Amino acid sequence: MGERNKCTQAVILTVREQGENNRNICALSPDLGIFNALLYGGPKNRLRSLVQPFNCGNIWLYEDEVKHSRKITDFDSKEFHPSFRDDIYKIYAANLAGELVLKTKCAGENSRSFTLLRAFLNGIDASSEEEARLGTIRFLWRYLALLGIQPDPHECAECGKNLLLENSRSYYSEYSSAFICSDCCHSYRDSHESSSRILETDSTALNYLNAINELTPGSVRRMKLSADSAYKMKRVVFHILENSAGTLLNTLRTGEGIL
C-alpha cells in the first residue's frame, strides 16, 4: 500500500462549491499534474481563505485508495496575487492561462507547464496592465511550443525568405499554419487556397516572437513594441491558439474586448 499522505507544490486552478460546506479544488502540480481534491469545512475553516484560484504553495493531501479520492489537509500559500482583485485584464489573463493548461492537459509536460504558469502569474501580478498584455503573449507563445504547434518566425514557409529583416512585410497563413512573405501571400490570394484566412504581421512582431525563444526573459521584457505591432502579434497568437490547440477556450469568448 502506497503512502496516503503526500506533500507537493501546486497552483490552484479552480475552486467550486460542493454541498453546503465543501469545495472541489482543481490544481496543477509539477509531479502529480492536474488533480482534484476535496476541501472539507465551512466558513470557519482557515484553509478556505488560503486555497484560492492562482495561489501557489505547498499542499498536503490525504489519499483514500479505496474511494480513489484526495482530501486537502493543509496548504501553505506562498504566492498570492493581490493585483488580480483590482485589474479585470489580469484576472481574465490568468483564467485564460489556467483554462489552456486544463484543456490541453499540460501538453503532456506537467513540470514545464507548472513552471510556465507559475512564472506567468507572478510576472503579471508585478507588472502594469500594459506589461501584463505582452506577458500574456509571451506565455501563450511558449505554451504553443509545448504543444508542438509554434510556427517558425524566421523564414517564409513557402520560399525560405528571411522574415526578420527590418521593415519586411509578412503574414500568417491559416492554410499552411505558418508565416509567409508578402510575395507568397499574393500567390495564395490568387490560388484556390484564397478562402483560407491570412493575418498580417510585421518584422518587429516576428523579431519579438523569435526573441522569446532565443533570449533571456529579462532581455525580452526590455524590448519595445509599437501598439500596431503588438496588436498584430496578439491577433496571430490568439488565432493560432484557437485554431490549432484542438480545443475551444471559453475565456477568449467571454473576455473578448478585454483580452
C-alpha atoms as a PDB file:
ATOM      1  CA  MET A   1       0.000   0.000   0.000  1.00  0.00           C
ATOM      2  CA  GLY A   2       1.452   3.408  -1.028  1.00  0.00           C
ATOM      3  CA  GLU A   3       1.819   6.483   1.113  1.00  0.00           C
ATOM      4  CA  ARG A   4      -1.532   8.027   1.976  1.00  0.00           C
ATOM      5  CA  ASN A   5      -0.180  11.442   2.967  1.00  0.00           C
ATOM      6  CA  LYS A   6       1.630  13.461   0.338  1.00  0.00           C
ATOM      7  CA  CYS A   7       3.051  16.949   0.041  1.00  0.00           C
ATOM      8  CA  THR A   8       3.665  18.671  -3.271  1.00  0.00           C
ATOM      9  CA  GLN A   9       3.842  22.119  -4.813  1.00  0.00           C
ATOM     10  CA  ALA A  10       0.662  23.259  -6.502  1.00  0.00           C
ATOM     11  CA  VAL A  11      -1.039  26.157  -8.255  1.00  0.00           C
ATOM     12  CA  ILE A  12      -4.773  26.294  -7.529  1.00  0.00           C
ATOM     13  CA  LEU A  13      -6.650  26.441 -10.839  1.00  0.00           C
ATOM     14  CA  THR A  14     -10.340  26.330  -9.902  1.00  0.00           C
ATOM     15  CA  VAL A  15     -12.454  26.279  -6.754  1.00  0.00           C
ATOM     16  CA  ARG A  16     -16.051  25.017  -6.912  1.00  0.00           C
ATOM     17  CA  GLU A  17     -18.611  24.612  -4.170  1.00  0.00           C
ATOM     18  CA  GLN A  18     -19.641  21.032  -3.404  1.00  0.00           C
ATOM     19  CA  GLY A  19     -22.514  20.602  -0.997  1.00  0.00           C
ATOM     20  CA  GLU A  20     -23.147  23.106   1.752  1.00  0.00           C
ATOM     21  CA  ASN A  21     -19.689  23.394   3.255  1.00  0.00           C
ATOM     22  CA  ASN A  22     -17.174  21.662   0.994  1.00  0.00           C
ATOM     23  CA  ARG A  23     -15.226  22.677  -2.082  1.00  0.00           C
ATOM     24  CA  ASN A  24     -13.849  20.764  -5.039  1.00  0.00           C
ATOM     25  CA  ILE A  25     -10.369  22.001  -5.878  1.00  0.00           C
ATOM     26  CA  CYS A  26      -8.552  21.539  -9.175  1.00  0.00           C
ATOM     27  CA  ALA A  27      -4.818  22.195  -9.031  1.00  0.00           C
ATOM     28  CA  LEU A  28      -1.620  21.742 -11.026  1.00  0.00           C
ATOM     29  CA  SER A  29       1.466  20.105  -9.542  1.00  0.00           C
ATOM     30  CA  PRO A  30       4.834  19.512 -11.239  1.00  0.00           C
ATOM     31  CA  ASP A  31       4.843  15.856 -10.161  1.00  0.00           C
ATOM     32  CA  LEU A  32       1.119  14.970  -9.973  1.00  0.00           C
ATOM     33  CA  GLY A  33      -0.001  17.014 -12.954  1.00  0.00           C
ATOM     34  CA  ILE A  34      -3.617  18.188 -12.862  1.00  0.00           C
ATOM     35  CA  PHE A  35      -5.538  16.723  -9.934  1.00  0.00           C
ATOM     36  CA  ASN A  36      -8.768  17.208  -7.996  1.00  0.00           C
ATOM     37  CA  ALA A  37      -9.092  17.203  -4.223  1.00  0.00           C
ATOM     38  CA  LEU A  38     -11.811  17.982  -1.713  1.00  0.00           C
ATOM     39  CA  LEU A  39     -11.516  20.755   0.841  1.00  0.00           C
ATOM     40  CA  TYR A  40     -13.799  19.993   3.757  1.00  0.00           C
ATOM     41  CA  GLY A  41     -15.144  22.548   6.205  1.00  0.00           C
ATOM     42  CA  GLY A  42     -17.382  25.574   6.409  1.00  0.00           C
ATOM     43  CA  PRO A  43     -16.614  29.305   6.540  1.00  0.00           C
ATOM     44  CA  LYS A  44     -14.614  28.967   9.760  1.00  0.00           C
ATOM     45  CA  ASN A  45     -12.067  26.665   8.127  1.00  0.00           C
ATOM     46  CA  ARG A  46      -8.887  28.775   7.763  1.00  0.00           C
ATOM     47  CA  LEU A  47      -7.923  26.878   4.589  1.00  0.00           C
ATOM     48  CA  ARG A  48     -10.850  28.370   2.669  1.00  0.00           C
ATOM     49  CA  SER A  49      -9.138  31.758   2.574  1.00  0.00           C
ATOM     50  CA  LEU A  50      -5.805  30.223   1.506  1.00  0.00           C
ATOM     51  CA  VAL A  51      -6.977  27.756  -1.138  1.00  0.00           C
ATOM     52  CA  GLN A  52      -7.974  30.353  -3.730  1.00  0.00           C
ATOM     53  CA  PRO A  53      -7.566  30.409  -7.523  1.00  0.00           C
ATOM     54  CA  PHE A  54      -3.982  31.028  -8.673  1.00  0.00           C
ATOM     55  CA  ASN A  55      -2.458  30.904  -5.191  1.00  0.00           C
ATOM     56  CA  CYS A  56       0.664  28.750  -5.180  1.00  0.00           C
ATOM     57  CA  GLY A  57       2.458  26.889  -2.406  1.00  0.00           C
ATOM     58  CA  ASN A  58       2.914  23.547  -0.700  1.00  0.00           C
ATOM     59  CA  ILE A  59      -0.220  21.431  -0.438  1.00  0.00           C
ATOM     60  CA  TRP A  60      -0.725  18.400   1.807  1.00  0.00           C
ATOM     61  CA  LEU A  61      -3.035  15.664   0.562  1.00  0.00           C
ATOM     62  CA  TYR A  62      -4.579  12.568   2.108  1.00  0.00           C
ATOM     63  CA  GLU A  63      -5.298   9.905  -0.480  1.00  0.00           C
ATOM     64  CA  ASP A  64      -8.101   7.399   0.021  1.00  0.00           C
ATOM     65  CA  GLU A  65      -7.047   4.459  -2.136  1.00  0.00           C
ATOM     66  CA  VAL A  66     -10.383   2.685  -1.711  1.00  0.00           C
ATOM     67  CA  LYS A  67     -12.524   5.630  -2.863  1.00  0.00           C
ATOM     68  CA  HIS A  68      -9.832   6.899  -5.256  1.00  0.00           C
ATOM     69  CA  SER A  69     -10.165  10.396  -3.834  1.00  0.00           C
ATOM     70  CA  ARG A  70      -7.947  13.082  -2.338  1.00  0.00           C
ATOM     71  CA  LYS A  71      -8.546  15.420   0.574  1.00  0.00           C
ATOM     72  CA  ILE A  72      -6.628  18.624   1.307  1.00  0.00           C
ATOM     73  CA  THR A  73      -5.315  18.596   4.871  1.00  0.00           C
ATOM     74  CA  ASP A  74      -3.140  21.727   4.714  1.00  0.00           C
ATOM     75  CA  PHE A  75      -1.934  24.414   2.328  1.00  0.00           C
ATOM     76  CA  ASP A  76       0.989  26.768   2.808  1.00  0.00           C
ATOM     77  CA  SER A  77       0.195  29.503   0.304  1.00  0.00           C
ATOM     78  CA  LYS A  78       3.490  31.190  -0.532  1.00  0.00           C
ATOM     79  CA  GLU A  79       2.456  33.210  -3.580  1.00  0.00           C
ATOM     80  CA  PHE A  80      -0.592  35.468  -3.665  1.00  0.00           C
ATOM     81  CA  HIS A  81      -1.581  37.830  -6.467  1.00  0.00           C
ATOM     82  CA  PRO A  82      -3.308  40.833  -4.880  1.00  0.00           C
ATOM     83  CA  SER A  83      -3.411  42.915  -8.073  1.00  0.00           C
ATOM     84  CA  PHE A  84      -5.789  40.379  -9.657  1.00  0.00           C
ATOM     85  CA  ARG A  85      -8.601  41.667  -7.440  1.00  0.00           C
ATOM     86  CA  ASP A  86      -8.403  45.168  -8.914  1.00  0.00           C
ATOM     87  CA  ASP A  87      -7.457  44.561 -12.541  1.00  0.00           C
ATOM     88  CA  ILE A  88     -10.013  42.865 -14.773  1.00  0.00           C
ATOM     89  CA  TYR A  89      -7.449  42.267 -17.524  1.00  0.00           C
ATOM     90  CA  LYS A  90      -5.113  40.366 -15.213  1.00  0.00           C
ATOM     91  CA  ILE A  91      -7.818  38.046 -13.858  1.00  0.00           C
ATOM     92  CA  TYR A  92      -9.010  37.286 -17.409  1.00  0.00           C
ATOM     93  CA  ALA A  93      -5.419  36.604 -18.494  1.00  0.00           C
ATOM     94  CA  ALA A  94      -4.894  34.293 -15.513  1.00  0.00           C
ATOM     95  CA  ASN A  95      -8.143  32.468 -16.310  1.00  0.00           C
ATOM     96  CA  LEU A  96      -7.087  32.090 -19.956  1.00  0.00           C
ATOM     97  CA  ALA A  97      -3.770  30.541 -18.916  1.00  0.00           C
ATOM     98  CA  GLY A  98      -5.442  28.239 -16.414  1.00  0.00           C
ATOM     99  CA  GLU A  99      -8.107  27.112 -18.893  1.00  0.00           C
ATOM    100  CA  LEU A 100      -5.461  26.447 -21.547  1.00  0.00           C
ATOM    101  CA  VAL A 101      -3.417  24.271 -19.174  1.00  0.00           C
ATOM    102  CA  LEU A 102      -6.538  22.387 -18.081  1.00  0.00           C
ATOM    103  CA  LYS A 103      -7.994  21.740 -21.521  1.00  0.00           C
ATOM    104  CA  THR A 104      -4.695  20.690 -23.082  1.00  0.00           C
ATOM    105  CA  LYS A 105      -3.721  18.538 -20.064  1.00  0.00           C
ATOM    106  CA  CYS A 106      -0.435  20.422 -19.607  1.00  0.00           C
ATOM    107  CA  ALA A 107       0.582  19.495 -23.171  1.00  0.00           C
ATOM    108  CA  GLY A 108       1.942  16.302 -21.621  1.00  0.00           C
ATOM    109  CA  GLU A 109       4.589  18.360 -19.793  1.00  0.00           C
ATOM    110  CA  ASN A 110       3.486  18.655 -16.154  1.00  0.00           C
ATOM    111  CA  SER A 111       6.664  20.163 -14.741  1.00  0.00           C
ATOM    112  CA  ARG A 112       7.263  22.626 -17.575  1.00  0.00           C
ATOM    113  CA  SER A 113       3.604  23.702 -17.592  1.00  0.00           C
ATOM    114  CA  PHE A 114       3.752  24.303 -13.843  1.00  0.00           C
ATOM    115  CA  THR A 115       6.914  26.404 -14.196  1.00  0.00           C
ATOM    116  CA  LEU A 116       5.488  28.431 -17.089  1.00  0.00           C
ATOM    117  CA  LEU A 117       2.143  29.073 -15.396  1.00  0.00           C
ATOM    118  CA  ARG A 118       3.702  29.985 -12.048  1.00  0.00           C
ATOM    119  CA  ALA A 119       6.166  32.422 -13.649  1.00  0.00           C
ATOM    120  CA  PHE A 120       3.376  33.968 -15.725  1.00  0.00           C
ATOM    121  CA  LEU A 121       1.080  34.545 -12.731  1.00  0.00           C
ATOM    122  CA  ASN A 122       3.854  36.088 -10.652  1.00  0.00           C
ATOM    123  CA  GLY A 123       5.017  38.172 -13.601  1.00  0.00           C
ATOM    124  CA  ILE A 124       1.712  39.819 -14.466  1.00  0.00           C
ATOM    125  CA  ASP A 125       0.943  40.395 -10.776  1.00  0.00           C
ATOM    126  CA  ALA A 126       4.116  42.504 -10.500  1.00  0.00           C
ATOM    127  CA  SER A 127       3.528  44.319 -13.814  1.00  0.00           C
ATOM    128  CA  SER A 128       1.447  47.166 -15.133  1.00  0.00           C
ATOM    129  CA  GLU A 129      -1.505  46.212 -17.319  1.00  0.00           C
ATOM    130  CA  GLU A 130       0.415  47.204 -20.453  1.00  0.00           C
ATOM    131  CA  GLU A 131       3.355  44.988 -19.456  1.00  0.00           C
ATOM    132  CA  ALA A 132       0.950  42.194 -18.491  1.00  0.00           C
ATOM    133  CA  ARG A 133      -0.525  42.193 -22.003  1.00  0.00           C
ATOM    134  CA  LEU A 134       2.882  41.460 -23.501  1.00  0.00           C
ATOM    135  CA  GLY A 135       3.487  38.938 -20.717  1.00  0.00           C
ATOM    136  CA  THR A 136       0.366  37.082 -21.811  1.00  0.00           C
ATOM    137  CA  ILE A 137       1.646  36.850 -25.387  1.00  0.00           C
ATOM    138  CA  ARG A 138       4.989  35.534 -24.141  1.00  0.00           C
ATOM    139  CA  PHE A 139       3.273  32.841 -22.056  1.00  0.00           C
ATOM    140  CA  LEU A 140       0.998  31.770 -24.909  1.00  0.00           C
ATOM    141  CA  TRP A 141       3.866  31.686 -27.425  1.00  0.00           C
ATOM    142  CA  ARG A 142       5.946  29.487 -25.115  1.00  0.00           C
ATOM    143  CA  TYR A 143       2.952  27.255 -24.481  1.00  0.00           C
ATOM    144  CA  LEU A 144       2.432  26.834 -28.223  1.00  0.00           C
ATOM    145  CA  ALA A 145       5.960  25.416 -28.281  1.00  0.00           C
ATOM    146  CA  LEU A 146       4.990  22.903 -25.568  1.00  0.00           C
ATOM    147  CA  LEU A 147       2.020  21.873 -27.682  1.00  0.00           C
ATOM    148  CA  GLY A 148       4.289  21.443 -30.698  1.00  0.00           C
ATOM    149  CA  ILE A 149       2.336  23.913 -32.834  1.00  0.00           C
ATOM    150  CA  GLN A 150       4.535  27.008 -32.657  1.00  0.00           C
ATOM    151  CA  PRO A 151       5.300  28.208 -36.210  1.00  0.00           C
ATOM    152  CA  ASP A 152       8.839  29.207 -37.173  1.00  0.00           C
ATOM    153  CA  PRO A 153       9.121  33.030 -37.265  1.00  0.00           C
ATOM    154  CA  HIS A 154      12.489  33.026 -39.092  1.00  0.00           C
ATOM    155  CA  GLU A 155      11.634  32.154 -42.674  1.00  0.00           C
ATOM    156  CA  CYS A 156       8.774  32.099 -45.134  1.00  0.00           C
ATOM    157  CA  ALA A 157       7.382  28.574 -45.098  1.00  0.00           C
ATOM    158  CA  GLU A 158       6.997  28.659 -48.897  1.00  0.00           C
ATOM    159  CA  CYS A 159      10.132  30.271 -50.346  1.00  0.00           C
ATOM    160  CA  GLY A 160      12.531  30.466 -47.391  1.00  0.00           C
ATOM    161  CA  LYS A 161      12.845  34.274 -47.404  1.00  0.00           C
ATOM    162  CA  ASN A 162      14.156  35.796 -44.151  1.00  0.00           C
ATOM    163  CA  LEU A 163      11.153  37.342 -42.378  1.00  0.00           C
ATOM    164  CA  LEU A 164      13.170  39.033 -39.628  1.00  0.00           C
ATOM    165  CA  LEU A 165      14.698  41.699 -41.875  1.00  0.00           C
ATOM    166  CA  GLU A 166      13.757  45.230 -40.867  1.00  0.00           C
ATOM    167  CA  ASN A 167      10.541  46.557 -42.422  1.00  0.00           C
ATOM    168  CA  SER A 168       9.758  43.276 -44.186  1.00  0.00           C
ATOM    169  CA  ARG A 169       6.077  42.503 -44.537  1.00  0.00           C
ATOM    170  CA  SER A 170       4.829  39.082 -43.552  1.00  0.00           C
ATOM    171  CA  TYR A 171       1.646  37.158 -42.906  1.00  0.00           C
ATOM    172  CA  TYR A 172       0.358  34.165 -41.005  1.00  0.00           C
ATOM    173  CA  SER A 173      -1.334  31.665 -43.310  1.00  0.00           C
ATOM    174  CA  GLU A 174      -4.090  29.543 -41.829  1.00  0.00           C
ATOM    175  CA  TYR A 175      -3.799  27.149 -44.770  1.00  0.00           C
ATOM    176  CA  SER A 176      -0.160  26.302 -44.130  1.00  0.00           C
ATOM    177  CA  SER A 177      -0.173  27.049 -40.366  1.00  0.00           C
ATOM    178  CA  ALA A 178       2.988  29.077 -40.898  1.00  0.00           C
ATOM    179  CA  PHE A 179       4.380  32.545 -41.604  1.00  0.00           C
ATOM    180  CA  ILE A 180       4.833  33.564 -45.225  1.00  0.00           C
ATOM    181  CA  CYS A 181       6.293  36.584 -47.045  1.00  0.00           C
ATOM    182  CA  SER A 182       4.294  39.177 -48.980  1.00  0.00           C
ATOM    183  CA  ASP A 183       5.167  37.654 -52.380  1.00  0.00           C
ATOM    184  CA  CYS A 184       3.869  34.232 -51.355  1.00  0.00           C
ATOM    185  CA  CYS A 185       0.834  35.870 -49.786  1.00  0.00           C
ATOM    186  CA  HIS A 186      -0.125  37.359 -53.158  1.00  0.00           C
ATOM    187  CA  SER A 187       0.239  33.929 -54.749  1.00  0.00           C
ATOM    188  CA  TYR A 188      -2.018  32.427 -52.087  1.00  0.00           C
ATOM    189  CA  ARG A 189      -4.699  35.018 -52.670  1.00  0.00           C
ATOM    190  CA  ASP A 190      -4.691  34.228 -56.369  1.00  0.00           C
ATOM    191  CA  SER A 191      -4.983  30.466 -55.803  1.00  0.00           C
ATOM    192  CA  HIS A 192      -7.711  28.090 -54.681  1.00  0.00           C
ATOM    193  CA  GLU A 193      -6.499  28.450 -51.080  1.00  0.00           C
ATOM    194  CA  SER A 194      -7.560  32.104 -51.099  1.00  0.00           C
ATOM    195  CA  SER A 195     -10.517  31.326 -48.832  1.00  0.00           C
ATOM    196  CA  SER A 196      -8.101  30.441 -46.022  1.00  0.00           C
ATOM    197  CA  ARG A 197      -7.577  33.207 -43.523  1.00  0.00           C
ATOM    198  CA  ILE A 198      -4.400  35.275 -43.765  1.00  0.00           C
ATOM    199  CA  LEU A 199      -3.349  37.630 -40.956  1.00  0.00           C
ATOM    200  CA  GLU A 200      -0.907  40.454 -41.500  1.00  0.00           C
ATOM    201  CA  THR A 201       2.088  40.843 -39.200  1.00  0.00           C
ATOM    202  CA  ASP A 202       5.473  42.585 -39.482  1.00  0.00           C
ATOM    203  CA  SER A 203       9.183  42.068 -38.850  1.00  0.00           C
ATOM    204  CA  THR A 204       9.029  43.803 -35.445  1.00  0.00           C
ATOM    205  CA  ALA A 205       6.395  41.378 -34.168  1.00  0.00           C
ATOM    206  CA  LEU A 206       8.233  38.347 -35.570  1.00  0.00           C
ATOM    207  CA  ASN A 207      11.540  39.510 -34.076  1.00  0.00           C
ATOM    208  CA  TYR A 208       9.791  39.768 -30.706  1.00  0.00           C
ATOM    209  CA  LEU A 209       8.376  36.247 -31.010  1.00  0.00           C
ATOM    210  CA  ASN A 210      11.789  34.973 -32.065  1.00  0.00           C
ATOM    211  CA  ALA A 211      13.400  36.713 -29.080  1.00  0.00           C
ATOM    212  CA  ILE A 212      11.019  34.920 -26.710  1.00  0.00           C
ATOM    213  CA  ASN A 213      12.541  31.659 -27.927  1.00  0.00           C
ATOM    214  CA  GLU A 214      16.170  32.731 -28.013  1.00  0.00           C
ATOM    215  CA  LEU A 215      16.810  35.454 -25.414  1.00  0.00           C
ATOM    216  CA  THR A 216      16.533  35.522 -21.630  1.00  0.00           C
ATOM    217  CA  PRO A 217      13.170  36.581 -20.155  1.00  0.00           C
ATOM    218  CA  GLY A 218      14.725  39.789 -18.807  1.00  0.00           C
ATOM    219  CA  SER A 219      16.074  40.753 -22.222  1.00  0.00           C
ATOM    220  CA  VAL A 220      12.704  40.195 -23.876  1.00  0.00           C
ATOM    221  CA  ARG A 221      10.910  42.287 -21.265  1.00  0.00           C
ATOM    222  CA  ARG A 222      13.164  45.229 -22.131  1.00  0.00           C
ATOM    223  CA  MET A 223      12.255  45.103 -25.816  1.00  0.00           C
ATOM    224  CA  LYS A 224       9.899  47.805 -27.104  1.00  0.00           C
ATOM    225  CA  LEU A 225       6.974  47.312 -29.465  1.00  0.00           C
ATOM    226  CA  SER A 226       4.687  49.767 -31.176  1.00  0.00           C
ATOM    227  CA  ALA A 227       0.983  49.442 -30.420  1.00  0.00           C
ATOM    228  CA  ASP A 228       0.379  48.361 -34.032  1.00  0.00           C
ATOM    229  CA  SER A 229       2.991  45.582 -33.949  1.00  0.00           C
ATOM    230  CA  ALA A 230       1.751  44.387 -30.549  1.00  0.00           C
ATOM    231  CA  TYR A 231      -1.828  44.221 -31.846  1.00  0.00           C
ATOM    232  CA  LYS A 232      -0.815  42.258 -34.956  1.00  0.00           C
ATOM    233  CA  MET A 233       1.225  39.854 -32.825  1.00  0.00           C
ATOM    234  CA  LYS A 234      -1.677  39.311 -30.425  1.00  0.00           C
ATOM    235  CA  ARG A 235      -4.124  38.590 -33.274  1.00  0.00           C
ATOM    236  CA  VAL A 236      -1.779  35.991 -34.754  1.00  0.00           C
ATOM    237  CA  VAL A 237      -1.015  34.240 -31.455  1.00  0.00           C
ATOM    238  CA  PHE A 238      -4.684  34.144 -30.423  1.00  0.00           C
ATOM    239  CA  HIS A 239      -5.645  32.831 -33.866  1.00  0.00           C
ATOM    240  CA  ILE A 240      -3.061  30.043 -33.723  1.00  0.00           C
ATOM    241  CA  LEU A 241      -4.236  29.169 -30.232  1.00  0.00           C
ATOM    242  CA  GLU A 242      -7.897  28.967 -31.183  1.00  0.00           C
ATOM    243  CA  ASN A 243      -7.384  27.042 -34.411  1.00  0.00           C
ATOM    244  CA  SER A 244      -4.521  24.715 -33.560  1.00  0.00           C
ATOM    245  CA  ALA A 245      -4.798  23.817 -29.881  1.00  0.00           C
ATOM    246  CA  GLY A 246      -7.619  21.365 -30.546  1.00  0.00           C
ATOM    247  CA  THR A 247      -9.995  22.924 -28.021  1.00  0.00           C
ATOM    248  CA  LEU A 248     -12.314  25.920 -27.649  1.00  0.00           C
ATOM    249  CA  LEU A 249     -11.297  28.368 -24.949  1.00  0.00           C
ATOM    250  CA  ASN A 250     -14.291  29.961 -23.220  1.00  0.00           C
ATOM    251  CA  THR A 251     -12.155  32.741 -21.727  1.00  0.00           C
ATOM    252  CA  LEU A 252     -11.357  34.087 -25.186  1.00  0.00           C
ATOM    253  CA  ARG A 253     -15.089  34.334 -25.856  1.00  0.00           C
ATOM    254  CA  THR A 254     -16.200  35.848 -22.552  1.00  0.00           C
ATOM    255  CA  GLY A 255     -13.123  38.082 -22.412  1.00  0.00           C
ATOM    256  CA  GLU A 256     -13.494  39.476 -25.929  1.00  0.00           C
ATOM    257  CA  GLY A 257     -12.780  43.194 -25.766  1.00  0.00           C
ATOM    258  CA  ILE A 258     -10.808  42.736 -22.536  1.00  0.00           C
ATOM    259  CA  LEU A 259      -8.055  40.368 -23.608  1.00  0.00           C
END
